[in-house]
Amino acid sequence: MKKLMFAVFDNVAKLYMQPFLETNDGTAVRAIQDAAKGDHPFARHPQDFTLTRLGTYDEETGTLNQDNKADIIELKTLVGE
């Protein structure tokens, strides 16, 4: 089965955080909204982070295709500043 792979890019550190798999862009955004609550860095500094689709991960072959890599949303638009 193929799933989409996402990671949050830290615009200050210039690094991607640990990647995660989701069904589509919408479910990835929802997962980040759930994570960006309380005292989480996403909630404290939303301007520092961008959700990025890294590509498509094939669970059967273990391959990653990055033809569809794209920035999805800046967290500041989800959480507010």
PDB file of N, CA and C in Angstrom:
ATOM      1  N   MET A   1       0.840  -1.178   0.000  1.00  0.00           N
ATOM      2  CA  MET A   1       0.000   0.000   0.000  1.00  0.00           C
ATOM      3  C   MET A   1       0.888   1.245   0.000  1.00  0.00           C
ATOM      4  N   LYS A   2       0.456   2.249  -0.727  1.00  0.00           N
ATOM      5  CA  LYS A   2       1.204   3.502  -0.773  1.00  0.00           C
ATOM      6  C   LYS A   2       0.561   4.520   0.161  1.00  0.00           C
ATOM      7  N   LYS A   3       1.419   5.213   0.900  1.00  0.00           N
ATOM      8  CA  LYS A   3       0.983   6.278   1.797  1.00  0.00           C
ATOM      9  C   LYS A   3       1.860   7.484   1.548  1.00  0.00           C
ATOM     10  N   LEU A   4       1.370   8.618   1.982  1.00  0.00           N
ATOM     11  CA  LEU A   4       2.156   9.831   1.855  1.00  0.00           C
ATOM     12  C   LEU A   4       3.029  10.014   3.092  1.00  0.00           C
ATOM     13  N   MET A   5       4.252  10.481   2.871  1.00  0.00           N
ATOM     14  CA  MET A   5       5.191  10.735   3.956  1.00  0.00           C
ATOM     15  C   MET A   5       5.336  12.246   4.130  1.00  0.00           C
ATOM     16  N   PHE A   6       5.254  12.677   5.382  1.00  0.00           N
ATOM     17  CA  PHE A   6       5.319  14.095   5.725  1.00  0.00           C
ATOM     18  C   PHE A   6       6.386  14.314   6.793  1.00  0.00           C
ATOM     19  N   ALA A   7       6.846  15.552   6.885  1.00  0.00           N
ATOM     20  CA  ALA A   7       7.712  15.976   7.977  1.00  0.00           C
ATOM     21  C   ALA A   7       7.483  17.461   8.186  1.00  0.00           C
ATOM     22  N   VAL A   8       7.721  17.903   9.393  1.00  0.00           N
ATOM     23  CA  VAL A   8       7.664  19.328   9.688  1.00  0.00           C
ATOM     24  C   VAL A   8       9.079  19.875   9.544  1.00  0.00           C
ATOM     25  N   PHE A   9       9.196  20.958   8.780  1.00  0.00           N
ATOM     26  CA  PHE A   9      10.485  21.614   8.601  1.00  0.00           C
ATOM     27  C   PHE A   9      10.603  22.737   9.619  1.00  0.00           C
ATOM     28  N   ASP A  10      11.706  22.738  10.361  1.00  0.00           N
ATOM     29  CA  ASP A  10      11.993  23.790  11.328  1.00  0.00           C
ATOM     30  C   ASP A  10      12.754  24.881  10.582  1.00  0.00           C
ATOM     31  N   ASN A  11      12.104  26.005  10.334  1.00  0.00           N
ATOM     32  CA  ASN A  11      12.691  27.090   9.558  1.00  0.00           C
ATOM     33  C   ASN A  11      13.857  27.776  10.261  1.00  0.00           C
ATOM     34  N   VAL A  12      13.950  27.639  11.571  1.00  0.00           N
ATOM     35  CA  VAL A  12      15.053  28.236  12.320  1.00  0.00           C
ATOM     36  C   VAL A  12      16.266  27.312  12.316  1.00  0.00           C
ATOM     37  N   ALA A  13      16.052  26.043  12.631  1.00  0.00           N
ATOM     38  CA  ALA A  13      17.150  25.068  12.653  1.00  0.00           C
ATOM     39  C   ALA A  13      17.566  24.627  11.252  1.00  0.00           C
ATOM     40  N   LYS A  14      16.673  24.851  10.271  1.00  0.00           N
ATOM     41  CA  LYS A  14      16.904  24.427   8.883  1.00  0.00           C
ATOM     42  C   LYS A  14      17.043  22.907   8.793  1.00  0.00           C
ATOM     43  N   LEU A  15      16.155  22.214   9.534  1.00  0.00           N
ATOM     44  CA  LEU A  15      16.148  20.755   9.571  1.00  0.00           C
ATOM     45  C   LEU A  15      14.723  20.232   9.520  1.00  0.00           C
ATOM     46  N   TYR A  16      14.569  19.031   8.959  1.00  0.00           N
ATOM     47  CA  TYR A  16      13.287  18.342   8.979  1.00  0.00           C
ATOM     48  C   TYR A  16      13.201  17.488  10.235  1.00  0.00           C
ATOM     49  N   MET A  17      12.036  17.475  10.859  1.00  0.00           N
ATOM     50  CA  MET A  17      11.789  16.616  12.014  1.00  0.00           C
ATOM     51  C   MET A  17      11.520  15.194  11.515  1.00  0.00           C
ATOM     52  N   GLN A  18      11.323  14.284  12.445  1.00  0.00           N
ATOM     53  CA  GLN A  18      11.072  12.885  12.102  1.00  0.00           C
ATOM     54  C   GLN A  18       9.853  12.766  11.188  1.00  0.00           C
ATOM     55  N   PRO A  19       9.979  12.036  10.072  1.00  0.00           N
ATOM     56  CA  PRO A  19       8.842  11.896   9.156  1.00  0.00           C
ATOM     57  C   PRO A  19       7.737  11.007   9.729  1.00  0.00           C
ATOM     58  N   PHE A  20       6.537  11.194   9.181  1.00  0.00           N
ATOM     59  CA  PHE A  20       5.393  10.375   9.568  1.00  0.00           C
ATOM     60  C   PHE A  20       4.532  10.104   8.342  1.00  0.00           C
ATOM     61  N   LEU A  21       3.754   9.034   8.404  1.00  0.00           N
ATOM     62  CA  LEU A  21       2.901   8.628   7.291  1.00  0.00           C
ATOM     63  C   LEU A  21       1.458   9.031   7.555  1.00  0.00           C
ATOM     64  N   GLU A  22       0.769   9.456   6.485  1.00  0.00           N
ATOM     65  CA  GLU A  22      -0.657   9.774   6.569  1.00  0.00           C
ATOM     66  C   GLU A  22      -1.330   9.397   5.262  1.00  0.00           C
ATOM     67  N   THR A  23      -2.643   9.384   5.273  1.00  0.00           N
ATOM     68  CA  THR A  23      -3.434   9.009   4.109  1.00  0.00           C
ATOM     69  C   THR A  23      -3.414  10.081   3.027  1.00  0.00           C
ATOM     70  N   ASN A  24      -3.532  11.357   3.441  1.00  0.00           N
ATOM     71  CA  ASN A  24      -3.533  12.460   2.483  1.00  0.00           C
ATOM     72  C   ASN A  24      -3.115  13.748   3.183  1.00  0.00           C
ATOM     73  N   ASP A  25      -3.059  14.842   2.425  1.00  0.00           N
ATOM     74  CA  ASP A  25      -2.622  16.123   2.990  1.00  0.00           C
ATOM     75  C   ASP A  25      -3.531  16.561   4.135  1.00  0.00           C
ATOM     76  N   GLY A  26      -4.837  16.348   3.988  1.00  0.00           N
ATOM     77  CA  GLY A  26      -5.790  16.765   5.017  1.00  0.00           C
ATOM     78  C   GLY A  26      -5.591  16.065   6.342  1.00  0.00           C
ATOM     79  N   THR A  27      -5.328  14.768   6.310  1.00  0.00           N
ATOM     80  CA  THR A  27      -5.123  14.046   7.569  1.00  0.00           C
ATOM     81  C   THR A  27      -3.782  14.429   8.199  1.00  0.00           C
ATOM     82  N   ALA A  28      -2.815  14.803   7.375  1.00  0.00           N
ATOM     83  CA  ALA A  28      -1.524  15.274   7.905  1.00  0.00           C
ATOM     84  C   ALA A  28      -1.701  16.616   8.606  1.00  0.00           C
ATOM     85  N   VAL A  29      -2.481  17.507   8.003  1.00  0.00           N
ATOM     86  CA  VAL A  29      -2.761  18.799   8.632  1.00  0.00           C
ATOM     87  C   VAL A  29      -3.475  18.588   9.959  1.00  0.00           C
ATOM     88  N   ARG A  30      -4.443  17.683   9.982  1.00  0.00           N
ATOM     89  CA  ARG A  30      -5.173  17.408  11.224  1.00  0.00           C
ATOM     90  C   ARG A  30      -4.234  16.871  12.302  1.00  0.00           C
ATOM     91  N   ALA A  31      -3.319  15.993  11.934  1.00  0.00           N
ATOM     92  CA  ALA A  31      -2.364  15.447  12.901  1.00  0.00           C
ATOM     93  C   ALA A  31      -1.493  16.555  13.498  1.00  0.00           C
ATOM     94  N   ILE A  32      -1.091  17.497  12.667  1.00  0.00           N
ATOM     95  CA  ILE A  32      -0.271  18.611  13.157  1.00  0.00           C
ATOM     96  C   ILE A  32      -1.107  19.535  14.033  1.00  0.00           C
ATOM     97  N   GLN A  33      -2.358  19.765  13.671  1.00  0.00           N
ATOM     98  CA  GLN A  33      -3.240  20.581  14.520  1.00  0.00           C
ATOM     99  C   GLN A  33      -3.387  19.951  15.899  1.00  0.00           C
ATOM    100  N   ASP A  34      -3.526  18.637  15.957  1.00  0.00           N
ATOM    101  CA  ASP A  34      -3.630  17.938  17.233  1.00  0.00           C
ATOM    102  C   ASP A  34      -2.341  18.061  18.041  1.00  0.00           C
ATOM    103  N   ALA A  35      -1.196  18.020  17.347  1.00  0.00           N
ATOM    104  CA  ALA A  35       0.101  18.118  18.037  1.00  0.00           C
ATOM    105  C   ALA A  35       0.378  19.532  18.532  1.00  0.00           C
ATOM    106  N   ALA A  36      -0.175  20.530  17.856  1.00  0.00           N
ATOM    107  CA  ALA A  36       0.138  21.931  18.151  1.00  0.00           C
ATOM    108  C   ALA A  36      -0.759  22.503  19.236  1.00  0.00           C
ATOM    109  N   LYS A  37      -0.805  21.820  20.358  1.00  0.00           N
ATOM    110  CA  LYS A  37      -1.638  22.274  21.469  1.00  0.00           C
ATOM    111  C   LYS A  37      -0.800  22.389  22.735  1.00  0.00           C
ATOM    112  N   GLY A  38      -1.266  23.186  23.647  1.00  0.00           N
ATOM    113  CA  GLY A  38      -0.604  23.305  24.936  1.00  0.00           C
ATOM    114  C   GLY A  38       0.777  23.917  24.836  1.00  0.00           C
ATOM    115  N   ASP A  39       1.723  23.254  25.443  1.00  0.00           N
ATOM    116  CA  ASP A  39       3.077  23.786  25.548  1.00  0.00           C
ATOM    117  C   ASP A  39       4.008  23.248  24.460  1.00  0.00           C
ATOM    118  N   HIS A  40       3.460  22.685  23.421  1.00  0.00           N
ATOM    119  CA  HIS A  40       4.271  22.137  22.330  1.00  0.00           C
ATOM    120  C   HIS A  40       4.951  23.277  21.566  1.00  0.00           C
ATOM    121  N   PRO A  41       6.192  23.068  21.094  1.00  0.00           N
ATOM    122  CA  PRO A  41       6.859  24.118  20.301  1.00  0.00           C
ATOM    123  C   PRO A  41       6.045  24.588  19.097  1.00  0.00           C
ATOM    124  N   PHE A  42       5.242  23.708  18.494  1.00  0.00           N
ATOM    125  CA  PHE A  42       4.395  24.121  17.372  1.00  0.00           C
ATOM    126  C   PHE A  42       3.421  25.214  17.810  1.00  0.00           C
ATOM    127  N   ALA A  43       2.920  25.107  19.049  1.00  0.00           N
ATOM    128  CA  ALA A  43       1.972  26.089  19.577  1.00  0.00           C
ATOM    129  C   ALA A  43       2.682  27.359  20.029  1.00  0.00           C
ATOM    130  N   ARG A  44       3.869  27.209  20.601  1.00  0.00           N
ATOM    131  CA  ARG A  44       4.608  28.368  21.107  1.00  0.00           C
ATOM    132  C   ARG A  44       5.267  29.181  19.997  1.00  0.00           C
ATOM    133  N   HIS A  45       5.702  28.526  18.925  1.00  0.00           N
ATOM    134  CA  HIS A  45       6.445  29.197  17.852  1.00  0.00           C
ATOM    135  C   HIS A  45       5.957  28.754  16.477  1.00  0.00           C
ATOM    136  N   PRO A  46       4.680  28.883  16.177  1.00  0.00           N
ATOM    137  CA  PRO A  46       4.157  28.356  14.918  1.00  0.00           C
ATOM    138  C   PRO A  46       4.810  28.972  13.678  1.00  0.00           C
ATOM    139  N   GLN A  47       5.308  30.187  13.789  1.00  0.00           N
ATOM    140  CA  GLN A  47       5.954  30.843  12.660  1.00  0.00           C
ATOM    141  C   GLN A  47       7.253  30.153  12.243  1.00  0.00           C
ATOM    142  N   ASP A  48       7.766  29.268  13.078  1.00  0.00           N
ATOM    143  CA  ASP A  48       9.041  28.603  12.816  1.00  0.00           C
ATOM    144  C   ASP A  48       8.906  27.292  12.049  1.00  0.00           C
ATOM    145  N   PHE A  49       7.677  26.839  11.758  1.00  0.00           N
ATOM    146  CA  PHE A  49       7.495  25.490  11.229  1.00  0.00           C
ATOM    147  C   PHE A  49       6.614  25.450   9.978  1.00  0.00           C
ATOM    148  N   THR A  50       6.962  24.526   9.074  1.00  0.00           N
ATOM    149  CA  THR A  50       6.206  24.304   7.843  1.00  0.00           C
ATOM    150  C   THR A  50       5.983  22.812   7.657  1.00  0.00           C
ATOM    151  N   LEU A  51       4.738  22.415   7.425  1.00  0.00           N
ATOM    152  CA  LEU A  51       4.431  21.022   7.122  1.00  0.00           C
ATOM    153  C   LEU A  51       4.775  20.757   5.661  1.00  0.00           C
ATOM    154  N   THR A  52       5.565  19.726   5.416  1.00  0.00           N
ATOM    155  CA  THR A  52       6.023  19.390   4.069  1.00  0.00           C
ATOM    156  C   THR A  52       5.673  17.949   3.730  1.00  0.00           C
ATOM    157  N   ARG A  53       5.134  17.746   2.529  1.00  0.00           N
ATOM    158  CA  ARG A  53       4.953  16.389   2.014  1.00  0.00           C
ATOM    159  C   ARG A  53       6.282  15.994   1.377  1.00  0.00           C
ATOM    160  N   LEU A  54       6.892  14.935   1.908  1.00  0.00           N
ATOM    161  CA  LEU A  54       8.185  14.480   1.399  1.00  0.00           C
ATOM    162  C   LEU A  54       8.053  13.619   0.155  1.00  0.00           C
ATOM    163  N   GLY A  55       6.946  12.910   0.045  1.00  0.00           N
ATOM    164  CA  GLY A  55       6.748  12.045  -1.107  1.00  0.00           C
ATOM    165  C   GLY A  55       5.802  10.907  -0.777  1.00  0.00           C
ATOM    166  N   THR A  56       5.835   9.900  -1.624  1.00  0.00           N
ATOM    167  CA  THR A  56       4.991   8.721  -1.466  1.00  0.00           C
ATOM    168  C   THR A  56       5.844   7.539  -1.028  1.00  0.00           C
ATOM    169  N   TYR A  57       5.402   6.867   0.022  1.00  0.00           N
ATOM    170  CA  TYR A  57       6.110   5.714   0.562  1.00  0.00           C
ATOM    171  C   TYR A  57       5.337   4.453   0.210  1.00  0.00           C
ATOM    172  N   ASP A  58       6.004   3.501  -0.394  1.00  0.00           N
ATOM    173  CA  ASP A  58       5.386   2.225  -0.758  1.00  0.00           C
ATOM    174  C   ASP A  58       5.723   1.211   0.329  1.00  0.00           C
ATOM    175  N   GLU A  59       4.719   0.802   1.093  1.00  0.00           N
ATOM    176  CA  GLU A  59       4.940  -0.129   2.205  1.00  0.00           C
ATOM    177  C   GLU A  59       5.355  -1.519   1.738  1.00  0.00           C
ATOM    178  N   GLU A  60       5.034  -1.880   0.521  1.00  0.00           N
ATOM    179  CA  GLU A  60       5.382  -3.211   0.027  1.00  0.00           C
ATOM    180  C   GLU A  60       6.825  -3.300  -0.450  1.00  0.00           C
ATOM    181  N   THR A  61       7.336  -2.214  -1.021  1.00  0.00           N
ATOM    182  CA  THR A  61       8.702  -2.246  -1.560  1.00  0.00           C
ATOM    183  C   THR A  61       9.703  -1.465  -0.720  1.00  0.00           C
ATOM    184  N   GLY A  62       9.202  -0.605   0.166  1.00  0.00           N
ATOM    185  CA  GLY A  62      10.081   0.213   0.989  1.00  0.00           C
ATOM    186  C   GLY A  62      10.674   1.391   0.240  1.00  0.00           C
ATOM    187  N   THR A  63      10.135   1.718  -0.916  1.00  0.00           N
ATOM    188  CA  THR A  63      10.695   2.813  -1.700  1.00  0.00           C
ATOM    189  C   THR A  63       9.949   4.117  -1.430  1.00  0.00           C
ATOM    190  N   LEU A  64      10.672   5.215  -1.604  1.00  0.00           N
ATOM    191  CA  LEU A  64      10.137   6.559  -1.439  1.00  0.00           C
ATOM    192  C   LEU A  64      10.290   7.297  -2.753  1.00  0.00           C
ATOM    193  N   ASN A  65       9.179   7.791  -3.265  1.00  0.00           N
ATOM    194  CA  ASN A  65       9.186   8.567  -4.498  1.00  0.00           C
ATOM    195  C   ASN A  65       8.931  10.017  -4.116  1.00  0.00           C
ATOM    196  N   GLN A  66       9.861  10.898  -4.466  1.00  0.00           N
ATOM    197  CA  GLN A  66       9.736  12.299  -4.066  1.00  0.00           C
ATOM    198  C   GLN A  66       9.250  13.205  -5.199  1.00  0.00           C
ATOM    199  N   ASP A  67       8.620  12.641  -6.217  1.00  0.00           N
ATOM    200  CA  ASP A  67       8.111  13.447  -7.325  1.00  0.00           C
ATOM    201  C   ASP A  67       7.039  14.440  -6.889  1.00  0.00           C
ATOM    202  N   ASN A  68       6.348  14.151  -5.786  1.00  0.00           N
ATOM    203  CA  ASN A  68       5.266  15.031  -5.331  1.00  0.00           C
ATOM    204  C   ASN A  68       5.625  15.799  -4.060  1.00  0.00           C
ATOM    205  N   LYS A  69       6.926  16.014  -3.817  1.00  0.00           N
ATOM    206  CA  LYS A  69       7.361  16.765  -2.635  1.00  0.00           C
ATOM    207  C   LYS A  69       6.857  18.202  -2.737  1.00  0.00           C
ATOM    208  N   ALA A  70       6.282  18.702  -1.618  1.00  0.00           N
ATOM    209  CA  ALA A  70       5.745  20.066  -1.628  1.00  0.00           C
ATOM    210  C   ALA A  70       5.501  20.550  -0.201  1.00  0.00           C
ATOM    211  N   ASP A  71       5.637  21.853  -0.004  1.00  0.00           N
ATOM    212  CA  ASP A  71       5.204  22.454   1.248  1.00  0.00           C
ATOM    213  C   ASP A  71       3.684  22.459   1.260  1.00  0.00           C
ATOM    214  N   ILE A  72       3.097  22.038   2.382  1.00  0.00           N
ATOM    215  CA  ILE A  72       1.646  21.949   2.492  1.00  0.00           C
ATOM    216  C   ILE A  72       1.062  23.186   3.164  1.00  0.00           C
ATOM    217  N   ILE A  73       1.607  23.540   4.335  1.00  0.00           N
ATOM    218  CA  ILE A  73       1.056  24.689   5.060  1.00  0.00           C
ATOM    219  C   ILE A  73       2.065  25.163   6.100  1.00  0.00           C
ATOM    220  N   GLU A  74       2.108  26.475   6.295  1.00  0.00           N
ATOM    221  CA  GLU A  74       2.904  27.046   7.391  1.00  0.00           C
ATOM    222  C   GLU A  74       2.058  26.930   8.651  1.00  0.00           C
ATOM    223  N   LEU A  75       2.672  26.461   9.716  1.00  0.00           N
ATOM    224  CA  LEU A  75       1.903  26.233  10.937  1.00  0.00           C
ATOM    225  C   LEU A  75       1.293  27.497  11.503  1.00  0.00           C
ATOM    226  N   LYS A  76       1.878  28.657  11.219  1.00  0.00           N
ATOM    227  CA  LYS A  76       1.308  29.900  11.742  1.00  0.00           C
ATOM    228  C   LYS A  76      -0.106  30.129  11.215  1.00  0.00           C
ATOM    229  N   THR A  77      -0.452  29.572  10.061  1.00  0.00           N
ATOM    230  CA  THR A  77      -1.813  29.720   9.543  1.00  0.00           C
ATOM    231  C   THR A  77      -2.796  28.784  10.245  1.00  0.00           C
ATOM    232  N   LEU A  78      -2.275  27.739  10.883  1.00  0.00           N
ATOM    233  CA  LEU A  78      -3.121  26.794  11.620  1.00  0.00           C
ATOM    234  C   LEU A  78      -3.326  27.217  13.068  1.00  0.00           C
ATOM    235  N   VAL A  79      -2.256  27.667  13.687  1.00  0.00           N
ATOM    236  CA  VAL A  79      -2.260  27.910  15.120  1.00  0.00           C
ATOM    237  C   VAL A  79      -2.493  29.384  15.423  1.00  0.00           C
ATOM    238  N   GLY A  80      -2.075  30.258  14.529  1.00  0.00           N
ATOM    239  CA  GLY A  80      -2.153  31.695  14.796  1.00  0.00           C
ATOM    240  C   GLY A  80      -0.917  32.164  15.517  1.00  0.00           C
ATOM    241  N   GLU A  81      -0.712  33.438  15.481  1.00  0.00           N
ATOM    242  CA  GLU A  81       0.485  33.991  16.129  1.00  0.00           C
ATOM    243  C   GLU A  81       0.118  34.841  17.311  1.00  0.00           C
TER     244      GLU A  81
END
